C-alpha atoms as a PDB file:
ATOM      1  CA  MET A   1      -0.041   0.479 -20.114  1.00  0.00           C
ATOM      2  CA  LYS A   2       1.758   3.805 -20.201  1.00  0.00           C
ATOM      3  CA  GLY A   3      -1.474   5.404 -21.369  1.00  0.00           C
ATOM      4  CA  LEU A   4      -3.251   3.972 -18.333  1.00  0.00           C
ATOM      5  CA  ALA A   5      -0.518   5.380 -16.067  1.00  0.00           C
ATOM      6  CA  ASN A   6      -1.060   8.802 -17.630  1.00  0.00           C
ATOM      7  CA  ILE A   7      -4.809   8.560 -17.059  1.00  0.00           C
ATOM      8  CA  VAL A   8      -4.294   7.602 -13.415  1.00  0.00           C
ATOM      9  CA  LEU A   9      -1.805  10.459 -12.998  1.00  0.00           C
ATOM     10  CA  GLY A  10      -4.331  12.887 -14.520  1.00  0.00           C
ATOM     11  CA  ALA A  11      -7.051  11.657 -12.169  1.00  0.00           C
ATOM     12  CA  GLY A  12      -4.705  12.216  -9.245  1.00  0.00           C
ATOM     13  CA  ILE A  13      -3.940  15.765 -10.337  1.00  0.00           C
ATOM     14  CA  VAL A  14      -7.627  16.584 -10.788  1.00  0.00           C
ATOM     15  CA  SER A  15      -8.447  15.099  -7.391  1.00  0.00           C
ATOM     16  CA  LEU A  16      -5.641  17.111  -5.759  1.00  0.00           C
ATOM     17  CA  VAL A  17      -6.936  20.354  -7.312  1.00  0.00           C
ATOM     18  CA  ILE A  18     -10.471  19.565  -6.109  1.00  0.00           C
ATOM     19  CA  ALA A  19      -9.134  18.890  -2.594  1.00  0.00           C
ATOM     20  CA  VAL A  20      -7.317  22.242  -2.503  1.00  0.00           C
ATOM     21  CA  LEU A  21     -10.359  24.125  -3.803  1.00  0.00           C
ATOM     22  CA  LEU A  22     -12.637  22.447  -1.269  1.00  0.00           C
ATOM     23  CA  ARG A  23     -10.203  23.247   1.521  1.00  0.00           C
ATOM     24  CA  LEU A  24     -10.222  26.923   0.526  1.00  0.00           C
ATOM     25  CA  SER A  25     -14.012  27.148   0.220  1.00  0.00           C
ATOM     26  CA  VAL A  26     -16.103  27.542   3.315  1.00  0.00           C
ATOM     27  CA  LYS A  27     -19.328  25.855   2.224  1.00  0.00           C
ATOM     28  CA  PRO A  28     -19.743  22.051   2.431  1.00  0.00           C
ATOM     29  CA  THR A  29     -19.855  19.870  -0.678  1.00  0.00           C
ATOM     30  CA  VAL A  30     -23.026  18.459  -2.165  1.00  0.00           C
ATOM     31  CA  LEU A  31     -22.105  14.826  -1.603  1.00  0.00           C
ATOM     32  CA  GLY A  32     -20.732  15.398   1.879  1.00  0.00           C
ATOM     33  CA  LEU A  33     -17.183  14.452   0.878  1.00  0.00           C
ATOM     34  CA  GLU A  34     -14.346  16.053   2.805  1.00  0.00           C
ATOM     35  CA  PRO A  35     -11.183  17.420   1.188  1.00  0.00           C
ATOM     36  CA  SER A  36      -9.175  14.716   2.969  1.00  0.00           C
ATOM     37  CA  SER A  37     -11.038  12.004   1.018  1.00  0.00           C
ATOM     38  CA  PHE A  38     -10.017  13.642  -2.260  1.00  0.00           C
ATOM     39  CA  LEU A  39      -6.467  13.972  -0.960  1.00  0.00           C
ATOM     40  CA  GLY A  40      -6.364  10.271  -0.064  1.00  0.00           C
ATOM     41  CA  PHE A  41      -7.643   9.344  -3.510  1.00  0.00           C
ATOM     42  CA  SER A  42      -5.004  11.508  -5.194  1.00  0.00           C
ATOM     43  CA  ILE A  43      -2.233   9.911  -3.106  1.00  0.00           C
ATOM     44  CA  ALA A  44      -3.466   6.458  -4.139  1.00  0.00           C
ATOM     45  CA  CYS A  45      -3.522   7.527  -7.808  1.00  0.00           C
ATOM     46  CA  PHE A  46       0.010   8.911  -7.625  1.00  0.00           C
ATOM     47  CA  ALA A  47       1.309   5.726  -5.970  1.00  0.00           C
ATOM     48  CA  LEU A  48      -0.398   3.565  -8.609  1.00  0.00           C
ATOM     49  CA  ALA A  49       1.012   5.682 -11.455  1.00  0.00           C
ATOM     50  CA  ILE A  50       4.530   5.422  -9.987  1.00  0.00           C
ATOM     51  CA  ALA A  51       4.180   1.652  -9.638  1.00  0.00           C
ATOM     52  CA  MET A  52       2.996   1.332 -13.239  1.00  0.00           C
ATOM     53  CA  VAL A  53       5.926   3.366 -14.566  1.00  0.00           C
ATOM     54  CA  VAL A  54       8.410   1.308 -12.522  1.00  0.00           C
ATOM     55  CA  VAL A  55       6.963  -1.935 -13.859  1.00  0.00           C
ATOM     56  CA  LEU A  56       7.094  -0.572 -17.410  1.00  0.00           C
ATOM     57  CA  GLY A  57      10.727   0.406 -16.918  1.00  0.00           C
ATOM     58  CA  LYS A  58      11.655  -3.101 -15.822  1.00  0.00           C
ATOM     59  CA  GLU A  59       9.796  -4.681 -18.750  1.00  0.00           C
ATOM     60  CA  GLY A  60      11.605  -2.511 -21.284  1.00  0.00           C
ATOM     61  CA  LYS A  61      15.091  -3.646 -20.252  1.00  0.00           C
END
């Protein structure tokens, strides 16, 4: 499950980088997605990764 938490964390980081790059660029995206949608996805990924690590910490004790 720790591997899954790392994957979710990686997806959140990639999504955050995409959101920043889209915010800095002037032209619209191909799919019509706004940077705020990528930012919301990255926040959800970070919250899920934190929850997974907390649950893993409680299981290990």
